[in-house]
PDB file of N, CA and C in Angstrom:
ATOM      1  N   MET A   1     -19.028  46.533  11.234  1.00  0.00           N
ATOM      2  CA  MET A   1     -18.251  44.934  11.734  1.00  0.00           C
ATOM      3  C   MET A   1     -17.753  44.092  10.715  1.00  0.00           C
ATOM      4  N   ILE A   2     -16.703  43.543  10.386  1.00  0.00           N
ATOM      5  CA  ILE A   2     -16.187  42.841   9.675  1.00  0.00           C
ATOM      6  C   ILE A   2     -16.592  41.358  10.016  1.00  0.00           C
ATOM      7  N   PRO A   3     -17.189  40.722   9.251  1.00  0.00           N
ATOM      8  CA  PRO A   3     -17.506  39.450   9.648  1.00  0.00           C
ATOM      9  C   PRO A   3     -16.258  38.319   9.623  1.00  0.00           C
ATOM     10  N   PRO A   4     -16.116  37.330  10.671  1.00  0.00           N
ATOM     11  CA  PRO A   4     -15.040  36.731  10.569  1.00  0.00           C
ATOM     12  C   PRO A   4     -14.399  35.371   9.497  1.00  0.00           C
ATOM     13  N   ILE A   5     -13.413  35.894   9.044  1.00  0.00           N
ATOM     14  CA  ILE A   5     -12.768  34.581   7.931  1.00  0.00           C
ATOM     15  C   ILE A   5     -12.581  33.357   8.515  1.00  0.00           C
ATOM     16  N   GLU A   6     -13.023  31.890   7.692  1.00  0.00           N
ATOM     17  CA  GLU A   6     -13.247  30.910   8.170  1.00  0.00           C
ATOM     18  C   GLU A   6     -11.832  30.471   6.790  1.00  0.00           C
ATOM     19  N   ALA A   7     -10.993  29.635   7.478  1.00  0.00           N
ATOM     20  CA  ALA A   7     -10.349  29.394   6.282  1.00  0.00           C
ATOM     21  C   ALA A   7      -9.861  27.473   6.960  1.00  0.00           C
ATOM     22  N   PHE A   8      -9.904  26.355   5.947  1.00  0.00           N
ATOM     23  CA  PHE A   8      -9.532  25.624   5.967  1.00  0.00           C
ATOM     24  C   PHE A   8      -8.083  24.830   5.484  1.00  0.00           C
ATOM     25  N   LEU A   9      -7.530  24.020   6.143  1.00  0.00           N
ATOM     26  CA  LEU A   9      -6.247  23.734   5.718  1.00  0.00           C
ATOM     27  C   LEU A   9      -5.957  22.358   6.082  1.00  0.00           C
ATOM     28  N   GLU A  10      -5.844  21.411   4.702  1.00  0.00           N
ATOM     29  CA  GLU A  10      -5.819  20.099   5.145  1.00  0.00           C
ATOM     30  C   GLU A  10      -4.303  19.559   5.326  1.00  0.00           C
ATOM     31  N   ILE A  11      -3.931  18.881   6.180  1.00  0.00           N
ATOM     32  CA  ILE A  11      -2.245  18.275   6.132  1.00  0.00           C
ATOM     33  C   ILE A  11      -2.127  17.006   5.853  1.00  0.00           C
ATOM     34  N   GLU A  12      -1.737  16.038   5.224  1.00  0.00           N
ATOM     35  CA  GLU A  12      -1.145  14.917   4.749  1.00  0.00           C
ATOM     36  C   GLU A  12       0.265  14.859   5.635  1.00  0.00           C
ATOM     37  N   ILE A  13       0.432  13.896   6.614  1.00  0.00           N
ATOM     38  CA  ILE A  13       1.894  13.676   7.001  1.00  0.00           C
ATOM     39  C   ILE A  13       2.116  12.273   6.463  1.00  0.00           C
ATOM     40  N   ILE A  14       3.236  12.543   5.623  1.00  0.00           N
ATOM     41  CA  ILE A  14       3.873  11.037   4.523  1.00  0.00           C
ATOM     42  C   ILE A  14       4.530  10.357   5.784  1.00  0.00           C
ATOM     43  N   GLY A  15       5.024  11.052   6.583  1.00  0.00           N
ATOM     44  CA  GLY A  15       6.171  10.217   7.361  1.00  0.00           C
ATOM     45  C   GLY A  15       7.441  10.925   7.681  1.00  0.00           C
ATOM     46  N   ILE A  16       7.877  10.465   8.971  1.00  0.00           N
ATOM     47  CA  ILE A  16       9.128  11.174   9.577  1.00  0.00           C
ATOM     48  C   ILE A  16      10.227  10.631   9.579  1.00  0.00           C
ATOM     49  N   GLU A  17      11.273  11.214   9.200  1.00  0.00           N
ATOM     50  CA  GLU A  17      12.429  10.482   9.748  1.00  0.00           C
ATOM     51  C   GLU A  17      12.945  10.350  10.527  1.00  0.00           C
ATOM     52  N   ALA A  18      13.806   9.331  11.085  1.00  0.00           N
ATOM     53  CA  ALA A  18      14.046   9.213  12.575  1.00  0.00           C
ATOM     54  C   ALA A  18      15.257   8.733  12.403  1.00  0.00           C
ATOM     55  N   MET A  19      16.556   8.792  12.829  1.00  0.00           N
ATOM     56  CA  MET A  19      18.113   8.002  12.619  1.00  0.00           C
ATOM     57  C   MET A  19      18.158   7.645  14.032  1.00  0.00           C
ATOM     58  N   HIS A  20      18.677   6.363  14.359  1.00  0.00           N
ATOM     59  CA  HIS A  20      18.965   5.637  15.505  1.00  0.00           C
ATOM     60  C   HIS A  20      20.891   5.676  14.690  1.00  0.00           C
ATOM     61  N   ILE A  21      22.112   5.980  15.715  1.00  0.00           N
ATOM     62  CA  ILE A  21      23.278   6.019  14.998  1.00  0.00           C
ATOM     63  C   ILE A  21      24.158   5.053  16.617  1.00  0.00           C
ATOM     64  N   SER A  22      24.882   4.137  16.387  1.00  0.00           N
ATOM     65  CA  SER A  22      25.923   3.693  17.215  1.00  0.00           C
ATOM     66  C   SER A  22      26.758   3.139  16.737  1.00  0.00           C
ATOM     67  N   ILE A  23      28.079   3.729  17.311  1.00  0.00           N
ATOM     68  CA  ILE A  23      29.603   3.351  16.945  1.00  0.00           C
ATOM     69  C   ILE A  23      30.258   2.296  18.186  1.00  0.00           C
ATOM     70  N   TYR A  24      30.880   1.278  17.943  1.00  0.00           N
ATOM     71  CA  TYR A  24      31.328   0.830  18.821  1.00  0.00           C
ATOM     72  C   TYR A  24      32.561  -0.231  18.430  1.00  0.00           C
ATOM     73  N   ASP A  25      33.942  -0.696  18.439  1.00  0.00           N
ATOM     74  CA  ASP A  25      34.586  -1.047  18.011  1.00  0.00           C
ATOM     75  C   ASP A  25      34.337  -3.002  18.692  1.00  0.00           C
ATOM     76  N   THR A  26      35.320  -3.626  18.001  1.00  0.00           N
ATOM     77  CA  THR A  26      34.786  -5.148  18.638  1.00  0.00           C
ATOM     78  C   THR A  26      36.246  -5.489  18.775  1.00  0.00           C
ATOM     79  N   GLU A  27      37.261  -5.240  18.985  1.00  0.00           N
ATOM     80  CA  GLU A  27      38.609  -5.428  19.823  1.00  0.00           C
ATOM     81  C   GLU A  27      38.321  -4.570  21.320  1.00  0.00           C
ATOM     82  N   ASP A  28      38.709  -5.491  22.409  1.00  0.00           N
ATOM     83  CA  ASP A  28      38.587  -4.713  23.862  1.00  0.00           C
ATOM     84  C   ASP A  28      39.823  -5.313  24.538  1.00  0.00           C
ATOM     85  N   PRO A  29      40.850  -4.779  24.503  1.00  0.00           N
ATOM     86  CA  PRO A  29      41.441  -3.453  23.852  1.00  0.00           C
ATOM     87  C   PRO A  29      41.767  -3.724  22.925  1.00  0.00           C
ATOM     88  N   VAL A  30      42.110  -2.573  22.480  1.00  0.00           N
ATOM     89  CA  VAL A  30      42.357  -2.475  20.590  1.00  0.00           C
ATOM     90  C   VAL A  30      44.009  -2.157  20.966  1.00  0.00           C
ATOM     91  N   GLN A  31      44.304  -3.381  20.519  1.00  0.00           N
ATOM     92  CA  GLN A  31      45.955  -3.508  20.316  1.00  0.00           C
ATOM     93  C   GLN A  31      46.734  -3.124  19.577  1.00  0.00           C
ATOM     94  N   VAL A  32      48.138  -2.305  19.708  1.00  0.00           N
ATOM     95  CA  VAL A  32      48.629  -1.539  18.843  1.00  0.00           C
ATOM     96  C   VAL A  32      49.300  -2.299  17.537  1.00  0.00           C
ATOM     97  N   GLY A  33      49.334  -2.201  16.385  1.00  0.00           N
ATOM     98  CA  GLY A  33      50.070  -3.182  15.609  1.00  0.00           C
ATOM     99  C   GLY A  33      48.878  -4.055  14.804  1.00  0.00           C
ATOM    100  N   LYS A  34      47.832  -4.671  15.277  1.00  0.00           N
ATOM    101  CA  LYS A  34      46.939  -5.521  14.804  1.00  0.00           C
ATOM    102  C   LYS A  34      45.837  -4.645  14.384  1.00  0.00           C
ATOM    103  N   THR A  35      45.214  -5.082  13.099  1.00  0.00           N
ATOM    104  CA  THR A  35      44.218  -4.530  12.921  1.00  0.00           C
ATOM    105  C   THR A  35      42.527  -4.579  13.984  1.00  0.00           C
ATOM    106  N   THR A  36      41.554  -3.624  13.615  1.00  0.00           N
ATOM    107  CA  THR A  36      40.388  -3.717  14.374  1.00  0.00           C
ATOM    108  C   THR A  36      39.600  -3.345  13.477  1.00  0.00           C
ATOM    109  N   MET A  37      38.372  -3.281  14.017  1.00  0.00           N
ATOM    110  CA  MET A  37      37.152  -2.877  13.416  1.00  0.00           C
ATOM    111  C   MET A  37      36.099  -1.904  13.980  1.00  0.00           C
ATOM    112  N   TYR A  38      35.830  -0.987  13.258  1.00  0.00           N
ATOM    113  CA  TYR A  38      34.990   0.008  14.176  1.00  0.00           C
ATOM    114  C   TYR A  38      33.843   0.285  13.515  1.00  0.00           C
ATOM    115  N   VAL A  39      32.202  -0.400  13.972  1.00  0.00           N
ATOM    116  CA  VAL A  39      31.126  -0.468  13.239  1.00  0.00           C
ATOM    117  C   VAL A  39      30.410   0.695  13.634  1.00  0.00           C
ATOM    118  N   ILE A  40      29.938   0.826  12.628  1.00  0.00           N
ATOM    119  CA  ILE A  40      28.578   2.138  13.045  1.00  0.00           C
ATOM    120  C   ILE A  40      27.659   1.382  12.489  1.00  0.00           C
ATOM    121  N   GLU A  41      26.586   1.485  13.282  1.00  0.00           N
ATOM    122  CA  GLU A  41      24.983   1.286  12.947  1.00  0.00           C
ATOM    123  C   GLU A  41      24.094   2.310  12.724  1.00  0.00           C
ATOM    124  N   VAL A  42      23.667   2.425  11.846  1.00  0.00           N
ATOM    125  CA  VAL A  42      22.624   3.579  11.547  1.00  0.00           C
ATOM    126  C   VAL A  42      21.374   2.880  10.828  1.00  0.00           C
ATOM    127  N   ARG A  43      20.185   3.069  11.910  1.00  0.00           N
ATOM    128  CA  ARG A  43      18.652   2.513  11.768  1.00  0.00           C
ATOM    129  C   ARG A  43      17.897   3.818  11.665  1.00  0.00           C
ATOM    130  N   ASN A  44      17.359   3.229  10.571  1.00  0.00           N
ATOM    131  CA  ASN A  44      16.237   4.293  10.141  1.00  0.00           C
ATOM    132  C   ASN A  44      15.088   4.068  10.959  1.00  0.00           C
ATOM    133  N   VAL A  45      14.661   4.584  12.406  1.00  0.00           N
ATOM    134  CA  VAL A  45      13.614   4.315  12.843  1.00  0.00           C
ATOM    135  C   VAL A  45      12.224   4.948  12.599  1.00  0.00           C
ATOM    136  N   GLY A  46      12.108   6.000  11.769  1.00  0.00           N
ATOM    137  CA  GLY A  46      11.394   6.578  11.180  1.00  0.00           C
ATOM    138  C   GLY A  46      10.054   5.872  10.312  1.00  0.00           C
ATOM    139  N   THR A  47       9.078   6.704   9.738  1.00  0.00           N
ATOM    140  CA  THR A  47       8.167   6.077   8.886  1.00  0.00           C
ATOM    141  C   THR A  47       8.482   6.141   7.788  1.00  0.00           C
ATOM    142  N   ALA A  48       9.398   7.342   7.442  1.00  0.00           N
ATOM    143  CA  ALA A  48       9.460   7.468   6.079  1.00  0.00           C
ATOM    144  C   ALA A  48      11.474   7.511   5.470  1.00  0.00           C
ATOM    145  N   ASN A  49      11.757   7.776   3.931  1.00  0.00           N
ATOM    146  CA  ASN A  49      12.801   6.908   3.870  1.00  0.00           C
ATOM    147  C   ASN A  49      13.726   8.249   3.804  1.00  0.00           C
ATOM    148  N   CYS A  50      15.241   7.837   4.220  1.00  0.00           N
ATOM    149  CA  CYS A  50      15.920   9.160   4.278  1.00  0.00           C
ATOM    150  C   CYS A  50      17.369   8.910   2.949  1.00  0.00           C
ATOM    151  N   ARG A  51      18.121  10.110   2.859  1.00  0.00           N
ATOM    152  CA  ARG A  51      19.314   9.818   2.242  1.00  0.00           C
ATOM    153  C   ARG A  51      20.295   9.975   3.610  1.00  0.00           C
ATOM    154  N   LEU A  52      21.212   8.846   3.362  1.00  0.00           N
ATOM    155  CA  LEU A  52      22.187   9.059   3.757  1.00  0.00           C
ATOM    156  C   LEU A  52      23.868   9.184   3.250  1.00  0.00           C
ATOM    157  N   ASN A  53      24.600  10.187   4.263  1.00  0.00           N
ATOM    158  CA  ASN A  53      25.817  10.164   3.876  1.00  0.00           C
ATOM    159  C   ASN A  53      26.696   9.671   4.707  1.00  0.00           C
ATOM    160  N   CYS A  54      27.582   8.433   4.403  1.00  0.00           N
ATOM    161  CA  CYS A  54      28.402   8.125   5.323  1.00  0.00           C
ATOM    162  C   CYS A  54      29.793   8.622   5.191  1.00  0.00           C
ATOM    163  N   THR A  55      30.163   8.864   6.078  1.00  0.00           N
ATOM    164  CA  THR A  55      31.323   9.770   6.607  1.00  0.00           C
ATOM    165  C   THR A  55      31.809   9.363   7.856  1.00  0.00           C
ATOM    166  N   SER A  56      33.168   9.018   8.034  1.00  0.00           N
ATOM    167  CA  SER A  56      33.722   8.863   9.223  1.00  0.00           C
ATOM    168  C   SER A  56      34.921   9.583   9.202  1.00  0.00           C
ATOM    169  N   ARG A  57      35.649   9.621  10.295  1.00  0.00           N
ATOM    170  CA  ARG A  57      37.112   9.462  10.776  1.00  0.00           C
ATOM    171  C   ARG A  57      37.628   9.278  11.684  1.00  0.00           C
ATOM    172  N   ILE A  58      39.006   8.285  11.407  1.00  0.00           N
ATOM    173  CA  ILE A  58      39.598   7.826  12.302  1.00  0.00           C
ATOM    174  C   ILE A  58      40.506   8.716  13.036  1.00  0.00           C
ATOM    175  N   PRO A  59      41.006   8.199  14.080  1.00  0.00           N
ATOM    176  CA  PRO A  59      42.134   9.207  14.740  1.00  0.00           C
ATOM    177  C   PRO A  59      43.540   9.029  13.882  1.00  0.00           C
ATOM    178  N   GLU A  60      44.253   9.899  13.927  1.00  0.00           N
ATOM    179  CA  GLU A  60      45.806  10.194  13.145  1.00  0.00           C
ATOM    180  C   GLU A  60      46.513   9.043  13.150  1.00  0.00           C
ATOM    181  N   GLU A  61      46.398   8.835  14.372  1.00  0.00           N
ATOM    182  CA  GLU A  61      47.452   7.417  14.903  1.00  0.00           C
ATOM    183  C   GLU A  61      47.041   6.285  13.844  1.00  0.00           C
ATOM    184  N   MET A  62      45.719   6.125  13.708  1.00  0.00           N
ATOM    185  CA  MET A  62      45.209   4.963  13.001  1.00  0.00           C
ATOM    186  C   MET A  62      45.689   4.830  11.528  1.00  0.00           C
ATOM    187  N   GLU A  63      45.983   3.730  10.866  1.00  0.00           N
ATOM    188  CA  GLU A  63      46.352   3.417   9.476  1.00  0.00           C
ATOM    189  C   GLU A  63      45.168   2.987   8.618  1.00  0.00           C
ATOM    190  N   TYR A  64      44.309   3.843   8.177  1.00  0.00           N
ATOM    191  CA  TYR A  64      43.364   2.782   7.089  1.00  0.00           C
ATOM    192  C   TYR A  64      43.158   1.882   6.771  1.00  0.00           C
ATOM    193  N   VAL A  65      42.595   0.858   6.634  1.00  0.00           N
ATOM    194  CA  VAL A  65      42.705  -0.420   5.860  1.00  0.00           C
ATOM    195  C   VAL A  65      41.505  -0.716   5.099  1.00  0.00           C
ATOM    196  N   LYS A  66      40.322  -0.333   5.786  1.00  0.00           N
ATOM    197  CA  LYS A  66      39.570  -0.393   4.579  1.00  0.00           C
ATOM    198  C   LYS A  66      37.979   0.127   5.033  1.00  0.00           C
ATOM    199  N   ALA A  67      37.258   0.029   4.206  1.00  0.00           N
ATOM    200  CA  ALA A  67      35.696   0.584   4.628  1.00  0.00           C
ATOM    201  C   ALA A  67      34.879  -0.336   4.103  1.00  0.00           C
ATOM    202  N   GLU A  68      33.770  -0.757   4.508  1.00  0.00           N
ATOM    203  CA  GLU A  68      32.946  -1.748   3.906  1.00  0.00           C
ATOM    204  C   GLU A  68      31.500  -1.455   4.206  1.00  0.00           C
ATOM    205  N   VAL A  69      30.217  -1.785   3.268  1.00  0.00           N
ATOM    206  CA  VAL A  69      28.925  -1.847   3.967  1.00  0.00           C
ATOM    207  C   VAL A  69      28.286  -3.163   3.703  1.00  0.00           C
ATOM    208  N   PRO A  70      28.102  -4.183   4.054  1.00  0.00           N
ATOM    209  CA  PRO A  70      27.555  -5.207   3.753  1.00  0.00           C
ATOM    210  C   PRO A  70      26.732  -5.210   2.693  1.00  0.00           C
ATOM    211  N   GLY A  71      26.659  -5.776   1.909  1.00  0.00           N
ATOM    212  CA  GLY A  71      25.411  -6.298   0.662  1.00  0.00           C
ATOM    213  C   GLY A  71      25.917  -4.918  -0.448  1.00  0.00           C
ATOM    214  N   VAL A  72      26.438  -4.181  -0.276  1.00  0.00           N
ATOM    215  CA  VAL A  72      26.433  -2.599  -1.418  1.00  0.00           C
ATOM    216  C   VAL A  72      27.972  -2.855  -1.583  1.00  0.00           C
ATOM    217  N   SER A  73      28.160  -2.079  -2.678  1.00  0.00           N
ATOM    218  CA  SER A  73      29.801  -1.867  -3.188  1.00  0.00           C
ATOM    219  C   SER A  73      30.035  -0.599  -2.395  1.00  0.00           C
ATOM    220  N   PHE A  74      30.892  -0.195  -1.677  1.00  0.00           N
ATOM    221  CA  PHE A  74      31.031   1.172  -1.155  1.00  0.00           C
ATOM    222  C   PHE A  74      32.255   1.951  -1.936  1.00  0.00           C
ATOM    223  N   LYS A  75      31.563   3.330  -1.625  1.00  0.00           N
ATOM    224  CA  LYS A  75      32.528   4.234  -1.728  1.00  0.00           C
ATOM    225  C   LYS A  75      33.207   5.381  -1.094  1.00  0.00           C
ATOM    226  N   GLN A  76      34.184   6.242  -1.220  1.00  0.00           N
ATOM    227  CA  GLN A  76      34.398   6.941  -0.037  1.00  0.00           C
ATOM    228  C   GLN A  76      33.688   7.411   0.553  1.00  0.00           C
ATOM    229  N   ASP A  77      32.794   8.308  -0.395  1.00  0.00           N
ATOM    230  CA  ASP A  77      31.496   9.129  -0.167  1.00  0.00           C
ATOM    231  C   ASP A  77      30.605   8.285  -0.268  1.00  0.00           C
ATOM    232  N   CYS A  78      29.593   8.128   0.125  1.00  0.00           N
ATOM    233  CA  CYS A  78      28.605   7.288  -0.352  1.00  0.00           C
ATOM    234  C   CYS A  78      27.120   7.510  -0.252  1.00  0.00           C
ATOM    235  N   ILE A  79      26.267   8.221  -0.943  1.00  0.00           N
ATOM    236  CA  ILE A  79      24.725   8.280  -0.191  1.00  0.00           C
ATOM    237  C   ILE A  79      24.428   7.588  -0.869  1.00  0.00           C
ATOM    238  N   ARG A  80      23.327   7.044   0.187  1.00  0.00           N
ATOM    239  CA  ARG A  80      22.127   6.339  -0.710  1.00  0.00           C
ATOM    240  C   ARG A  80      20.945   5.825   0.452  1.00  0.00           C
ATOM    241  N   LYS A  81      20.115   5.862  -0.233  1.00  0.00           N
ATOM    242  CA  LYS A  81      18.255   5.695   0.783  1.00  0.00           C
ATOM    243  C   LYS A  81      18.603   4.668   1.756  1.00  0.00           C
ATOM    244  N   LEU A  82      17.782   5.085   2.834  1.00  0.00           N
ATOM    245  CA  LEU A  82      17.848   4.418   3.921  1.00  0.00           C
ATOM    246  C   LEU A  82      16.337   4.068   3.879  1.00  0.00           C
ATOM    247  N   GLN A  83      16.016   2.915   4.015  1.00  0.00           N
ATOM    248  CA  GLN A  83      14.163   2.866   4.025  1.00  0.00           C
ATOM    249  C   GLN A  83      14.059   2.745   5.327  1.00  0.00           C
ATOM    250  N   ALA A  84      12.992   3.375   5.503  1.00  0.00           N
ATOM    251  CA  ALA A  84      12.012   3.009   7.045  1.00  0.00           C
ATOM    252  C   ALA A  84      12.061   1.939   7.330  1.00  0.00           C
ATOM    253  N   GLY A  85      12.538   1.426   8.795  1.00  0.00           N
ATOM    254  CA  GLY A  85      12.721   0.126   9.406  1.00  0.00           C
ATOM    255  C   GLY A  85      13.860  -0.242   8.980  1.00  0.00           C
ATOM    256  N   ILE A  86      14.829   0.079   8.171  1.00  0.00           N
ATOM    257  CA  ILE A  86      16.244  -0.929   7.675  1.00  0.00           C
ATOM    258  C   ILE A  86      17.629  -0.315   8.704  1.00  0.00           C
ATOM    259  N   LEU A  87      18.160  -1.568   9.070  1.00  0.00           N
ATOM    260  CA  LEU A  87      19.487  -1.164   9.848  1.00  0.00           C
ATOM    261  C   LEU A  87      20.938  -1.723   8.706  1.00  0.00           C
ATOM    262  N   MET A  88      21.607  -0.123   9.138  1.00  0.00           N
ATOM    263  CA  MET A  88      22.557  -0.900   7.661  1.00  0.00           C
ATOM    264  C   MET A  88      23.849  -0.697   8.668  1.00  0.00           C
ATOM    265  N   TYR A  89      25.168  -1.448   8.215  1.00  0.00           N
ATOM    266  CA  TYR A  89      26.163  -1.464   8.558  1.00  0.00           C
ATOM    267  C   TYR A  89      27.404  -0.870   8.307  1.00  0.00           C
ATOM    268  N   LEU A  90      28.402   0.096   8.746  1.00  0.00           N
ATOM    269  CA  LEU A  90      29.225   0.619   8.173  1.00  0.00           C
ATOM    270  C   LEU A  90      30.416   0.222   9.090  1.00  0.00           C
ATOM    271  N   ARG A  91      31.584  -1.017   8.211  1.00  0.00           N
ATOM    272  CA  ARG A  91      32.906  -1.465   8.926  1.00  0.00           C
ATOM    273  C   ARG A  91      33.937  -0.522   8.649  1.00  0.00           C
ATOM    274  N   ILE A  92      34.626  -0.250   9.562  1.00  0.00           N
ATOM    275  CA  ILE A  92      36.005   0.453   9.020  1.00  0.00           C
ATOM    276  C   ILE A  92      36.998  -0.398   9.796  1.00  0.00           C
ATOM    277  N   ILE A  93      38.111  -0.475   8.989  1.00  0.00           N
ATOM    278  CA  ILE A  93      39.023  -1.694   9.596  1.00  0.00           C
ATOM    279  C   ILE A  93      40.215  -0.912   9.604  1.00  0.00           C
ATOM    280  N   GLY A  94      41.180  -0.547  10.556  1.00  0.00           N
ATOM    281  CA  GLY A  94      42.392   0.200  10.875  1.00  0.00           C
ATOM    282  C   GLY A  94      43.473  -0.574  11.657  1.00  0.00           C
ATOM    283  N   LYS A  95      44.378   0.004  11.260  1.00  0.00           N
ATOM    284  CA  LYS A  95      45.504  -0.619  12.040  1.00  0.00           C
ATOM    285  C   LYS A  95      46.438   0.426  13.110  1.00  0.00           C
ATOM    286  N   PRO A  96      45.949   0.822  14.415  1.00  0.00           N
ATOM    287  CA  PRO A  96      46.670   1.518  15.386  1.00  0.00           C
ATOM    288  C   PRO A  96      48.061   1.374  15.531  1.00  0.00           C
TER     289      PRO A  96
END
């Protein structure tokens, strides 16, 4: 008879990434010919930092005006680290 083998494994969980994302417009109803702002809120509700790639598409009927992330210089394709517990806003301004 072969004796049972014992093995021990120690696991350390450093953190978990968990994202909460919401998108809304700031004008209701959206009026043709006037600028309107869409806001994307991203909150890292986890316990670990994560990398974030900000990409959004607007309808073909809408003219792009600008996009901004308050507090940082924004690039069209931005990858940034979102720390645990932090909320980030991406504002997209367009004209339908």
